[in-house]
């Protein structure tokens, strides 16, 4: 009875999500699109985070995906439907090199997080250094192609709403697919005790690299989608330390161990950002970031499993 009730409730919520953009203003749809895109990116980040592989450098993969797709789009008129996969492959190659080097030589825990953080900064500086191609720190604007699904270009925000929603659904399906695969069992064992797992015959390096590549590839796709929606690429908003930490914090706040945790965290953070920005505007520059940071610290200290994760745990005990 309880399960049927949950299915019914889930169905109602899904229907509500589908019809939602037809009853609100363009501004609300814009916020919803941002929530969906960052929910997707935070969810694929959690593929690694929930197994103890805390990456603070996913901005690198986001930037690689966005810039690869964007440059191919502007310079060669290559559809982003193809360009985003090329960017994803480029990000996967970087993840393979970084992951294998770190895991082969035992760089784990805090040290792995610091290495990935450095990677994000390196990619951002590389984008700035190649200013002749990337526009440097000023970035560049994507070409206008009118309304075209082939070029993921549209004047309608509803188009991007449903496109971003499809990405979120994809990330959830892949999460479930991973949970039913050997990767999940291996990574759970590795997370509990890496040495014991290796002694039992589990190829620790192999599975760590695989989950890192999957997360990096999908993050790059999200970077391409974000670039096509914003139509302006800038290294400070698509790579570097700031965006990398934002991705991780969204997942951690909601609860990176639960499939809906990153989405809940993203909704809260994006809503707080827009609310603080709306209240203070340009009168108190930086105040919104300070309040957002304080709120985030409080959530992490008092709700270490994330908001959604804590609620689910309490309900399951009843």
C-alpha atoms as a PDB file:
ATOM      1  CA  UNK A   1       0.000   0.000   0.000  1.00  0.00           C
ATOM      2  CA  UNK A   2       2.808   2.360   0.950  1.00  0.00           C
ATOM      3  CA  UNK A   3       4.723   1.636  -2.256  1.00  0.00           C
ATOM      4  CA  UNK A   4       1.648   2.212  -4.434  1.00  0.00           C
ATOM      5  CA  UNK A   5       1.098   5.531  -2.649  1.00  0.00           C
ATOM      6  CA  UNK A   6       4.680   6.578  -3.380  1.00  0.00           C
ATOM      7  CA  UNK A   7       4.305   5.647  -7.047  1.00  0.00           C
ATOM      8  CA  UNK A   8       1.102   7.689  -7.229  1.00  0.00           C
ATOM      9  CA  UNK A   9       2.769  10.668  -5.563  1.00  0.00           C
ATOM     10  CA  UNK A  10       5.788  10.351  -7.839  1.00  0.00           C
ATOM     11  CA  UNK A  11       3.540  10.263 -10.899  1.00  0.00           C
ATOM     12  CA  UNK A  12       1.754  13.440  -9.795  1.00  0.00           C
ATOM     13  CA  UNK A  13       5.067  15.212  -9.220  1.00  0.00           C
ATOM     14  CA  UNK A  14       6.366  14.145 -12.632  1.00  0.00           C
ATOM     15  CA  UNK A  15       3.208  15.390 -14.357  1.00  0.00           C
ATOM     16  CA  UNK A  16       3.544  18.657 -12.452  1.00  0.00           C
ATOM     17  CA  UNK A  17       7.148  19.018 -13.617  1.00  0.00           C
ATOM     18  CA  UNK A  18       6.090  18.409 -17.226  1.00  0.00           C
ATOM     19  CA  UNK A  19       3.337  21.039 -17.305  1.00  0.00           C
ATOM     20  CA  UNK A  20       5.077  23.509 -14.972  1.00  0.00           C
ATOM     21  CA  UNK A  21       6.676  25.810 -17.619  1.00  0.00           C
ATOM     22  CA  UNK A  22       3.336  26.499 -19.290  1.00  0.00           C
ATOM     23  CA  UNK A  23       1.956  28.312 -16.237  1.00  0.00           C
ATOM     24  CA  UNK A  24       4.858  30.529 -15.121  1.00  0.00           C
ATOM     25  CA  UNK A  25       6.829  33.520 -16.394  1.00  0.00           C
ATOM     26  CA  UNK A  26      10.001  33.334 -18.481  1.00  0.00           C
ATOM     27  CA  UNK A  27      12.072  34.358 -15.467  1.00  0.00           C
ATOM     28  CA  UNK A  28      10.795  31.410 -13.422  1.00  0.00           C
ATOM     29  CA  UNK A  29      11.433  29.092 -16.370  1.00  0.00           C
ATOM     30  CA  UNK A  30      14.986  30.474 -16.577  1.00  0.00           C
ATOM     31  CA  UNK A  31      15.570  29.648 -12.892  1.00  0.00           C
ATOM     32  CA  UNK A  32      14.070  26.193 -13.446  1.00  0.00           C
ATOM     33  CA  UNK A  33      16.420  25.547 -16.390  1.00  0.00           C
ATOM     34  CA  UNK A  34      19.428  26.533 -14.275  1.00  0.00           C
ATOM     35  CA  UNK A  35      18.221  24.228 -11.494  1.00  0.00           C
ATOM     36  CA  UNK A  36      17.830  21.320 -13.924  1.00  0.00           C
ATOM     37  CA  UNK A  37      21.231  21.820 -15.570  1.00  0.00           C
ATOM     38  CA  UNK A  38      23.084  22.093 -12.264  1.00  0.00           C
ATOM     39  CA  UNK A  39      21.057  19.197 -10.831  1.00  0.00           C
ATOM     40  CA  UNK A  40      22.311  17.076 -13.695  1.00  0.00           C
ATOM     41  CA  UNK A  41      25.929  18.176 -13.195  1.00  0.00           C
ATOM     42  CA  UNK A  42      25.766  17.651  -9.412  1.00  0.00           C
ATOM     43  CA  UNK A  43      24.206  14.227  -9.846  1.00  0.00           C
ATOM     44  CA  UNK A  44      26.952  12.994 -12.172  1.00  0.00           C
ATOM     45  CA  UNK A  45      29.520  14.473  -9.762  1.00  0.00           C
ATOM     46  CA  UNK A  46      27.967  12.334  -7.015  1.00  0.00           C
ATOM     47  CA  UNK A  47      28.727   9.204  -9.054  1.00  0.00           C
ATOM     48  CA  UNK A  48      32.248   9.615  -7.664  1.00  0.00           C
ATOM     49  CA  UNK A  49      31.544  11.457  -4.423  1.00  0.00           C
ATOM     50  CA  UNK A  50      29.289   8.797  -2.926  1.00  0.00           C
ATOM     51  CA  UNK A  51      32.112   6.262  -3.194  1.00  0.00           C
ATOM     52  CA  UNK A  52      34.619   8.475  -1.409  1.00  0.00           C
ATOM     53  CA  UNK A  53      36.224   9.952  -4.529  1.00  0.00           C
ATOM     54  CA  UNK A  54      35.653  13.618  -3.709  1.00  0.00           C
ATOM     55  CA  UNK A  55      36.589  15.676  -6.743  1.00  0.00           C
ATOM     56  CA  UNK A  56      36.924  19.429  -6.328  1.00  0.00           C
ATOM     57  CA  UNK A  57      37.892  19.921  -9.941  1.00  0.00           C
ATOM     58  CA  UNK A  58      34.836  19.060 -12.018  1.00  0.00           C
ATOM     59  CA  UNK A  59      34.859  22.596 -13.339  1.00  0.00           C
ATOM     60  CA  UNK A  60      37.726  21.381 -15.534  1.00  0.00           C
ATOM     61  CA  UNK A  61      35.495  18.833 -17.257  1.00  0.00           C
ATOM     62  CA  UNK A  62      32.632  21.318 -17.450  1.00  0.00           C
ATOM     63  CA  UNK A  63      34.915  23.838 -19.158  1.00  0.00           C
ATOM     64  CA  UNK A  64      36.405  21.285 -21.544  1.00  0.00           C
ATOM     65  CA  UNK A  65      32.943  20.209 -22.669  1.00  0.00           C
ATOM     66  CA  UNK A  66      31.583  23.735 -23.070  1.00  0.00           C
ATOM     67  CA  UNK A  67      34.595  25.168 -24.888  1.00  0.00           C
ATOM     68  CA  UNK A  68      35.160  22.183 -27.162  1.00  0.00           C
ATOM     69  CA  UNK A  69      31.545  22.154 -28.286  1.00  0.00           C
ATOM     70  CA  UNK A  70      31.347  25.955 -28.482  1.00  0.00           C
ATOM     71  CA  UNK A  71      34.518  26.401 -30.530  1.00  0.00           C
ATOM     72  CA  UNK A  72      33.548  23.642 -32.960  1.00  0.00           C
ATOM     73  CA  UNK A  73      30.121  25.255 -33.252  1.00  0.00           C
ATOM     74  CA  UNK A  74      31.411  28.768 -33.922  1.00  0.00           C
ATOM     75  CA  UNK A  75      34.390  27.927 -36.139  1.00  0.00           C
ATOM     76  CA  UNK A  76      33.203  24.878 -38.056  1.00  0.00           C
ATOM     77  CA  UNK A  77      29.392  25.063 -37.685  1.00  0.00           C
ATOM     78  CA  UNK A  78      29.461  21.593 -36.141  1.00  0.00           C
ATOM     79  CA  UNK A  79      26.204  20.781 -34.417  1.00  0.00           C
ATOM     80  CA  UNK A  80      26.499  20.662 -30.604  1.00  0.00           C
ATOM     81  CA  UNK A  81      24.800  17.260 -30.771  1.00  0.00           C
ATOM     82  CA  UNK A  82      28.151  16.025 -32.083  1.00  0.00           C
ATOM     83  CA  UNK A  83      30.387  18.645 -30.479  1.00  0.00           C
ATOM     84  CA  UNK A  84      29.258  17.812 -26.966  1.00  0.00           C
ATOM     85  CA  UNK A  85      30.318  14.183 -27.421  1.00  0.00           C
ATOM     86  CA  UNK A  86      33.710  15.268 -28.748  1.00  0.00           C
ATOM     87  CA  UNK A  87      34.041  17.477 -25.680  1.00  0.00           C
ATOM     88  CA  UNK A  88      32.950  14.565 -23.525  1.00  0.00           C
ATOM     89  CA  UNK A  89      35.630  12.336 -25.049  1.00  0.00           C
ATOM     90  CA  UNK A  90      38.255  15.045 -24.456  1.00  0.00           C
ATOM     91  CA  UNK A  91      37.178  15.313 -20.815  1.00  0.00           C
ATOM     92  CA  UNK A  92      37.210  11.514 -20.492  1.00  0.00           C
ATOM     93  CA  UNK A  93      40.794  11.393 -21.789  1.00  0.00           C
ATOM     94  CA  UNK A  94      41.878  13.999 -19.229  1.00  0.00           C
ATOM     95  CA  UNK A  95      40.041  12.044 -16.519  1.00  0.00           C
ATOM     96  CA  UNK A  96      41.753   8.824 -17.639  1.00  0.00           C
ATOM     97  CA  UNK A  97      45.214  10.370 -17.443  1.00  0.00           C
ATOM     98  CA  UNK A  98      44.577  12.106 -14.122  1.00  0.00           C
ATOM     99  CA  UNK A  99      42.711   9.195 -12.585  1.00  0.00           C
ATOM    100  CA  UNK A 100      45.228   6.541 -13.554  1.00  0.00           C
ATOM    101  CA  UNK A 101      48.155   8.657 -12.348  1.00  0.00           C
ATOM    102  CA  UNK A 102      46.499   9.370  -8.995  1.00  0.00           C
ATOM    103  CA  UNK A 103      45.174   5.889  -8.320  1.00  0.00           C
ATOM    104  CA  UNK A 104      48.297   4.144  -9.596  1.00  0.00           C
ATOM    105  CA  UNK A 105      50.486   6.046  -7.127  1.00  0.00           C
ATOM    106  CA  UNK A 106      48.061   5.995  -4.219  1.00  0.00           C
ATOM    107  CA  UNK A 107      46.858   9.608  -4.313  1.00  0.00           C
ATOM    108  CA  UNK A 108      43.577   9.320  -2.409  1.00  0.00           C
ATOM    109  CA  UNK A 109      41.399  11.211   0.053  1.00  0.00           C
ATOM    110  CA  UNK A 110      42.281  14.854   0.659  1.00  0.00           C
ATOM    111  CA  UNK A 111      45.271  14.636  -1.667  1.00  0.00           C
ATOM    112  CA  UNK A 112      43.070  13.500  -4.557  1.00  0.00           C
ATOM    113  CA  UNK A 113      40.684  16.391  -3.858  1.00  0.00           C
ATOM    114  CA  UNK A 114      43.588  18.861  -3.963  1.00  0.00           C
ATOM    115  CA  UNK A 115      44.927  17.424  -7.222  1.00  0.00           C
ATOM    116  CA  UNK A 116      41.530  17.763  -8.885  1.00  0.00           C
ATOM    117  CA  UNK A 117      41.240  21.305  -7.514  1.00  0.00           C
ATOM    118  CA  UNK A 118      44.555  22.143  -9.145  1.00  0.00           C
ATOM    119  CA  UNK A 119      43.341  20.591 -12.418  1.00  0.00           C
ATOM    120  CA  UNK A 120      40.345  22.932 -12.491  1.00  0.00           C
ATOM    121  CA  UNK A 121      42.608  25.954 -12.078  1.00  0.00           C
ATOM    122  CA  UNK A 122      45.036  24.694 -14.728  1.00  0.00           C
ATOM    123  CA  UNK A 123      42.241  24.249 -17.279  1.00  0.00           C
ATOM    124  CA  UNK A 124      40.928  27.736 -16.542  1.00  0.00           C
ATOM    125  CA  UNK A 125      44.396  29.266 -16.969  1.00  0.00           C
ATOM    126  CA  UNK A 126      44.894  27.272 -20.167  1.00  0.00           C
ATOM    127  CA  UNK A 127      41.628  28.627 -21.589  1.00  0.00           C
ATOM    128  CA  UNK A 128      42.734  32.160 -20.712  1.00  0.00           C
ATOM    129  CA  UNK A 129      46.204  31.614 -22.196  1.00  0.00           C
ATOM    130  CA  UNK A 130      44.753  30.450 -25.526  1.00  0.00           C
ATOM    131  CA  UNK A 131      42.976  33.788 -25.938  1.00  0.00           C
ATOM    132  CA  UNK A 132      43.370  33.805 -29.721  1.00  0.00           C
ATOM    133  CA  UNK A 133      41.017  30.835 -29.921  1.00  0.00           C
ATOM    134  CA  UNK A 134      38.963  31.063 -26.723  1.00  0.00           C
ATOM    135  CA  UNK A 135      38.623  34.806 -26.205  1.00  0.00           C
ATOM    136  CA  UNK A 136      40.708  34.609 -23.047  1.00  0.00           C
ATOM    137  CA  UNK A 137      39.261  35.946 -19.800  1.00  0.00           C
ATOM    138  CA  UNK A 138      36.647  37.903 -21.787  1.00  0.00           C
ATOM    139  CA  UNK A 139      35.163  34.713 -23.199  1.00  0.00           C
ATOM    140  CA  UNK A 140      33.123  34.615 -26.392  1.00  0.00           C
ATOM    141  CA  UNK A 141      29.522  34.513 -27.571  1.00  0.00           C
ATOM    142  CA  UNK A 142      28.074  31.591 -29.509  1.00  0.00           C
ATOM    143  CA  UNK A 143      26.681  32.207 -32.975  1.00  0.00           C
ATOM    144  CA  UNK A 144      22.937  32.607 -33.342  1.00  0.00           C
ATOM    145  CA  UNK A 145      21.245  29.884 -35.366  1.00  0.00           C
ATOM    146  CA  UNK A 146      17.585  30.739 -34.829  1.00  0.00           C
ATOM    147  CA  UNK A 147      15.265  27.971 -33.705  1.00  0.00           C
ATOM    148  CA  UNK A 148      16.995  24.708 -34.509  1.00  0.00           C
ATOM    149  CA  UNK A 149      17.103  21.462 -32.549  1.00  0.00           C
ATOM    150  CA  UNK A 150      20.074  20.375 -34.671  1.00  0.00           C
ATOM    151  CA  UNK A 151      22.102  23.264 -33.247  1.00  0.00           C
ATOM    152  CA  UNK A 152      20.396  23.234 -29.816  1.00  0.00           C
ATOM    153  CA  UNK A 153      19.369  26.805 -30.438  1.00  0.00           C
ATOM    154  CA  UNK A 154      16.023  28.333 -29.563  1.00  0.00           C
ATOM    155  CA  UNK A 155      14.457  31.607 -28.460  1.00  0.00           C
ATOM    156  CA  UNK A 156      12.098  29.640 -26.250  1.00  0.00           C
ATOM    157  CA  UNK A 157      13.204  28.861 -22.709  1.00  0.00           C
ATOM    158  CA  UNK A 158      10.680  26.023 -22.622  1.00  0.00           C
ATOM    159  CA  UNK A 159      12.799  24.221 -25.241  1.00  0.00           C
ATOM    160  CA  UNK A 160      15.804  24.258 -22.910  1.00  0.00           C
ATOM    161  CA  UNK A 161      13.601  23.356 -19.938  1.00  0.00           C
ATOM    162  CA  UNK A 162      12.585  20.048 -21.493  1.00  0.00           C
ATOM    163  CA  UNK A 163      16.087  19.449 -22.845  1.00  0.00           C
ATOM    164  CA  UNK A 164      17.612  19.968 -19.397  1.00  0.00           C
ATOM    165  CA  UNK A 165      14.891  17.777 -17.867  1.00  0.00           C
ATOM    166  CA  UNK A 166      15.876  14.990 -20.287  1.00  0.00           C
ATOM    167  CA  UNK A 167      19.491  15.321 -19.092  1.00  0.00           C
ATOM    168  CA  UNK A 168      18.391  15.011 -15.446  1.00  0.00           C
ATOM    169  CA  UNK A 169      16.346  11.902 -16.241  1.00  0.00           C
ATOM    170  CA  UNK A 170      19.376  10.466 -18.061  1.00  0.00           C
ATOM    171  CA  UNK A 171      21.587  11.058 -15.016  1.00  0.00           C
ATOM    172  CA  UNK A 172      19.061   9.288 -12.762  1.00  0.00           C
ATOM    173  CA  UNK A 173      18.807   6.300 -15.120  1.00  0.00           C
ATOM    174  CA  UNK A 174      22.602   5.980 -15.277  1.00  0.00           C
ATOM    175  CA  UNK A 175      22.771   6.186 -11.456  1.00  0.00           C
ATOM    176  CA  UNK A 176      20.334   3.255 -11.252  1.00  0.00           C
ATOM    177  CA  UNK A 177      22.275   1.393 -13.946  1.00  0.00           C
ATOM    178  CA  UNK A 178      25.491   1.794 -11.960  1.00  0.00           C
ATOM    179  CA  UNK A 179      23.736   0.525  -8.820  1.00  0.00           C
ATOM    180  CA  UNK A 180      22.867  -2.715 -10.646  1.00  0.00           C
ATOM    181  CA  UNK A 181      26.347  -3.220 -12.089  1.00  0.00           C
ATOM    182  CA  UNK A 182      29.616  -4.705 -10.871  1.00  0.00           C
ATOM    183  CA  UNK A 183      30.988  -1.177 -10.570  1.00  0.00           C
ATOM    184  CA  UNK A 184      28.694  -0.458  -7.615  1.00  0.00           C
ATOM    185  CA  UNK A 185      29.665  -3.579  -5.693  1.00  0.00           C
ATOM    186  CA  UNK A 186      33.356  -3.026  -6.391  1.00  0.00           C
ATOM    187  CA  UNK A 187      33.291   0.656  -5.443  1.00  0.00           C
ATOM    188  CA  UNK A 188      31.351  -0.036  -2.250  1.00  0.00           C
ATOM    189  CA  UNK A 189      33.987  -2.568  -1.250  1.00  0.00           C
ATOM    190  CA  UNK A 190      36.818  -0.212  -2.181  1.00  0.00           C
ATOM    191  CA  UNK A 191      35.207   2.579  -0.188  1.00  0.00           C
ATOM    192  CA  UNK A 192      35.010   0.368   2.900  1.00  0.00           C
ATOM    193  CA  UNK A 193      38.575  -0.977   2.744  1.00  0.00           C
ATOM    194  CA  UNK A 194      40.769  -0.523  -0.304  1.00  0.00           C
ATOM    195  CA  UNK A 195      43.508  -2.947   0.787  1.00  0.00           C
ATOM    196  CA  UNK A 196      41.034  -5.681   1.663  1.00  0.00           C
ATOM    197  CA  UNK A 197      39.293  -5.215  -1.685  1.00  0.00           C
ATOM    198  CA  UNK A 198      42.573  -5.554  -3.556  1.00  0.00           C
ATOM    199  CA  UNK A 199      43.422  -8.709  -1.600  1.00  0.00           C
ATOM    200  CA  UNK A 200      40.087 -10.200  -2.692  1.00  0.00           C
ATOM    201  CA  UNK A 201      40.966  -9.712  -6.345  1.00  0.00           C
ATOM    202  CA  UNK A 202      39.126  -6.461  -7.070  1.00  0.00           C
ATOM    203  CA  UNK A 203      41.003  -4.316  -9.565  1.00  0.00           C
ATOM    204  CA  UNK A 204      40.951  -1.111  -7.534  1.00  0.00           C
ATOM    205  CA  UNK A 205      42.575   1.133 -10.142  1.00  0.00           C
ATOM    206  CA  UNK A 206      40.323  -0.126 -12.927  1.00  0.00           C
ATOM    207  CA  UNK A 207      37.034   0.576 -11.178  1.00  0.00           C
ATOM    208  CA  UNK A 208      38.138   3.942  -9.830  1.00  0.00           C
ATOM    209  CA  UNK A 209      39.221   5.049 -13.290  1.00  0.00           C
ATOM    210  CA  UNK A 210      35.971   3.806 -14.856  1.00  0.00           C
ATOM    211  CA  UNK A 211      33.730   5.772 -12.473  1.00  0.00           C
ATOM    212  CA  UNK A 212      35.939   8.854 -12.909  1.00  0.00           C
ATOM    213  CA  UNK A 213      35.694   8.655 -16.704  1.00  0.00           C
ATOM    214  CA  UNK A 214      31.908   8.227 -16.600  1.00  0.00           C
ATOM    215  CA  UNK A 215      31.508  11.232 -14.310  1.00  0.00           C
ATOM    216  CA  UNK A 216      33.883  13.418 -16.359  1.00  0.00           C
ATOM    217  CA  UNK A 217      32.279  12.510 -19.701  1.00  0.00           C
ATOM    218  CA  UNK A 218      28.758  13.289 -18.496  1.00  0.00           C
ATOM    219  CA  UNK A 219      29.899  16.496 -16.790  1.00  0.00           C
ATOM    220  CA  UNK A 220      31.340  17.685 -20.107  1.00  0.00           C
ATOM    221  CA  UNK A 221      27.952  17.075 -21.767  1.00  0.00           C
ATOM    222  CA  UNK A 222      26.399  19.269 -19.088  1.00  0.00           C
ATOM    223  CA  UNK A 223      28.964  21.994 -19.802  1.00  0.00           C
ATOM    224  CA  UNK A 224      28.021  21.959 -23.472  1.00  0.00           C
ATOM    225  CA  UNK A 225      24.307  22.190 -22.628  1.00  0.00           C
ATOM    226  CA  UNK A 226      24.918  25.091 -20.251  1.00  0.00           C
ATOM    227  CA  UNK A 227      26.968  26.905 -22.891  1.00  0.00           C
ATOM    228  CA  UNK A 228      24.253  26.486 -25.511  1.00  0.00           C
ATOM    229  CA  UNK A 229      21.657  27.828 -23.102  1.00  0.00           C
ATOM    230  CA  UNK A 230      23.629  30.845 -21.850  1.00  0.00           C
ATOM    231  CA  UNK A 231      25.207  31.403 -25.328  1.00  0.00           C
ATOM    232  CA  UNK A 232      28.212  33.016 -23.657  1.00  0.00           C
ATOM    233  CA  UNK A 233      31.288  31.114 -22.544  1.00  0.00           C
ATOM    234  CA  UNK A 234      33.582  32.520 -19.868  1.00  0.00           C
ATOM    235  CA  UNK A 235      36.416  30.614 -18.156  1.00  0.00           C
ATOM    236  CA  UNK A 236      35.538  32.013 -14.712  1.00  0.00           C
ATOM    237  CA  UNK A 237      31.984  30.669 -14.802  1.00  0.00           C
ATOM    238  CA  UNK A 238      32.657  27.396 -16.622  1.00  0.00           C
ATOM    239  CA  UNK A 239      35.939  26.221 -15.090  1.00  0.00           C
ATOM    240  CA  UNK A 240      38.238  26.991 -12.214  1.00  0.00           C
ATOM    241  CA  UNK A 241      37.924  26.599  -8.474  1.00  0.00           C
ATOM    242  CA  UNK A 242      34.689  28.527  -7.910  1.00  0.00           C
ATOM    243  CA  UNK A 243      32.390  26.513 -10.162  1.00  0.00           C
ATOM    244  CA  UNK A 244      34.069  23.258  -9.088  1.00  0.00           C
ATOM    245  CA  UNK A 245      33.277  23.918  -5.435  1.00  0.00           C
ATOM    246  CA  UNK A 246      29.734  24.957  -6.323  1.00  0.00           C
ATOM    247  CA  UNK A 247      29.123  21.620  -8.035  1.00  0.00           C
ATOM    248  CA  UNK A 248      30.401  19.661  -5.036  1.00  0.00           C
ATOM    249  CA  UNK A 249      28.536  21.769  -2.470  1.00  0.00           C
ATOM    250  CA  UNK A 250      25.211  21.332  -4.260  1.00  0.00           C
ATOM    251  CA  UNK A 251      25.526  17.557  -4.062  1.00  0.00           C
ATOM    252  CA  UNK A 252      26.842  17.551  -0.489  1.00  0.00           C
ATOM    253  CA  UNK A 253      24.123  19.901   0.758  1.00  0.00           C
ATOM    254  CA  UNK A 254      21.290  17.750  -0.563  1.00  0.00           C
ATOM    255  CA  UNK A 255      22.982  14.444   0.209  1.00  0.00           C
ATOM    256  CA  UNK A 256      25.358  12.891  -2.280  1.00  0.00           C
ATOM    257  CA  UNK A 257      24.579   9.335  -1.168  1.00  0.00           C
ATOM    258  CA  UNK A 258      20.950   9.537  -2.252  1.00  0.00           C
ATOM    259  CA  UNK A 259      19.789   9.641  -5.849  1.00  0.00           C
ATOM    260  CA  UNK A 260      17.659  12.782  -5.301  1.00  0.00           C
ATOM    261  CA  UNK A 261      20.077  14.482  -2.925  1.00  0.00           C
ATOM    262  CA  UNK A 262      22.005  16.530  -5.537  1.00  0.00           C
ATOM    263  CA  UNK A 263      18.732  17.770  -7.033  1.00  0.00           C
ATOM    264  CA  UNK A 264      17.410  18.885  -3.638  1.00  0.00           C
ATOM    265  CA  UNK A 265      20.716  20.611  -2.870  1.00  0.00           C
ATOM    266  CA  UNK A 266      20.692  22.372  -6.223  1.00  0.00           C
ATOM    267  CA  UNK A 267      17.128  23.619  -5.742  1.00  0.00           C
ATOM    268  CA  UNK A 268      18.011  25.065  -2.334  1.00  0.00           C
ATOM    269  CA  UNK A 269      21.268  26.705  -3.420  1.00  0.00           C
ATOM    270  CA  UNK A 270      19.984  28.228  -6.652  1.00  0.00           C
ATOM    271  CA  UNK A 271      16.877  29.466  -4.837  1.00  0.00           C
ATOM    272  CA  UNK A 272      18.983  31.015  -2.053  1.00  0.00           C
ATOM    273  CA  UNK A 273      21.297  32.664  -4.565  1.00  0.00           C
ATOM    274  CA  UNK A 274      18.425  34.223  -6.500  1.00  0.00           C
ATOM    275  CA  UNK A 275      16.586  35.262  -3.318  1.00  0.00           C
ATOM    276  CA  UNK A 276      19.643  36.960  -1.787  1.00  0.00           C
ATOM    277  CA  UNK A 277      20.467  38.586  -5.106  1.00  0.00           C
ATOM    278  CA  UNK A 278      16.904  39.852  -5.403  1.00  0.00           C
ATOM    279  CA  UNK A 279      16.870  41.230  -1.839  1.00  0.00           C
ATOM    280  CA  UNK A 280      20.259  42.940  -1.838  1.00  0.00           C
ATOM    281  CA  UNK A 281      20.826  43.465  -5.566  1.00  0.00           C
ATOM    282  CA  UNK A 282      23.778  45.787  -6.209  1.00  0.00           C
ATOM    283  CA  UNK A 283      23.342  47.727  -2.955  1.00  0.00           C
ATOM    284  CA  UNK A 284      25.410  45.333  -0.875  1.00  0.00           C
ATOM    285  CA  UNK A 285      27.719  43.575  -3.299  1.00  0.00           C
ATOM    286  CA  UNK A 286      29.025  40.351  -1.801  1.00  0.00           C
ATOM    287  CA  UNK A 287      26.434  40.131   1.003  1.00  0.00           C
ATOM    288  CA  UNK A 288      24.438  37.476  -0.844  1.00  0.00           C
ATOM    289  CA  UNK A 289      27.577  35.312  -1.178  1.00  0.00           C
ATOM    290  CA  UNK A 290      28.361  35.760   2.547  1.00  0.00           C
ATOM    291  CA  UNK A 291      24.850  34.764   3.639  1.00  0.00           C
ATOM    292  CA  UNK A 292      24.871  31.875   1.200  1.00  0.00           C
ATOM    293  CA  UNK A 293      28.205  30.692   2.596  1.00  0.00           C
ATOM    294  CA  UNK A 294      27.022  30.911   6.209  1.00  0.00           C
ATOM    295  CA  UNK A 295      23.857  28.989   5.414  1.00  0.00           C
ATOM    296  CA  UNK A 296      25.867  26.344   3.579  1.00  0.00           C
ATOM    297  CA  UNK A 297      28.320  25.888   6.473  1.00  0.00           C
ATOM    298  CA  UNK A 298      25.446  25.481   8.938  1.00  0.00           C
ATOM    299  CA  UNK A 299      23.773  22.849   6.764  1.00  0.00           C
ATOM    300  CA  UNK A 300      27.013  20.871   6.377  1.00  0.00           C
ATOM    301  CA  UNK A 301      27.816  20.981  10.123  1.00  0.00           C
ATOM    302  CA  UNK A 302      24.370  20.056  11.443  1.00  0.00           C
ATOM    303  CA  UNK A 303      23.217  17.849   8.549  1.00  0.00           C
ATOM    304  CA  UNK A 304      26.343  15.915   7.436  1.00  0.00           C
ATOM    305  CA  UNK A 305      24.268  13.485   5.342  1.00  0.00           C
ATOM    306  CA  UNK A 306      22.656  16.332   3.509  1.00  0.00           C
ATOM    307  CA  UNK A 307      19.132  17.665   3.871  1.00  0.00           C
ATOM    308  CA  UNK A 308      17.382  15.053   1.768  1.00  0.00           C
ATOM    309  CA  UNK A 309      19.596  12.244   3.058  1.00  0.00           C
ATOM    310  CA  UNK A 310      18.839  13.174   6.681  1.00  0.00           C
ATOM    311  CA  UNK A 311      15.085  13.313   6.050  1.00  0.00           C
ATOM    312  CA  UNK A 312      15.118   9.920   4.314  1.00  0.00           C
ATOM    313  CA  UNK A 313      17.106   8.341   7.144  1.00  0.00           C
ATOM    314  CA  UNK A 314      14.721   9.649   9.798  1.00  0.00           C
ATOM    315  CA  UNK A 315      11.659   8.488   7.894  1.00  0.00           C
ATOM    316  CA  UNK A 316      13.156   5.027   7.318  1.00  0.00           C
ATOM    317  CA  UNK A 317      13.672   4.577  11.082  1.00  0.00           C
ATOM    318  CA  UNK A 318      10.006   5.139  11.823  1.00  0.00           C
END
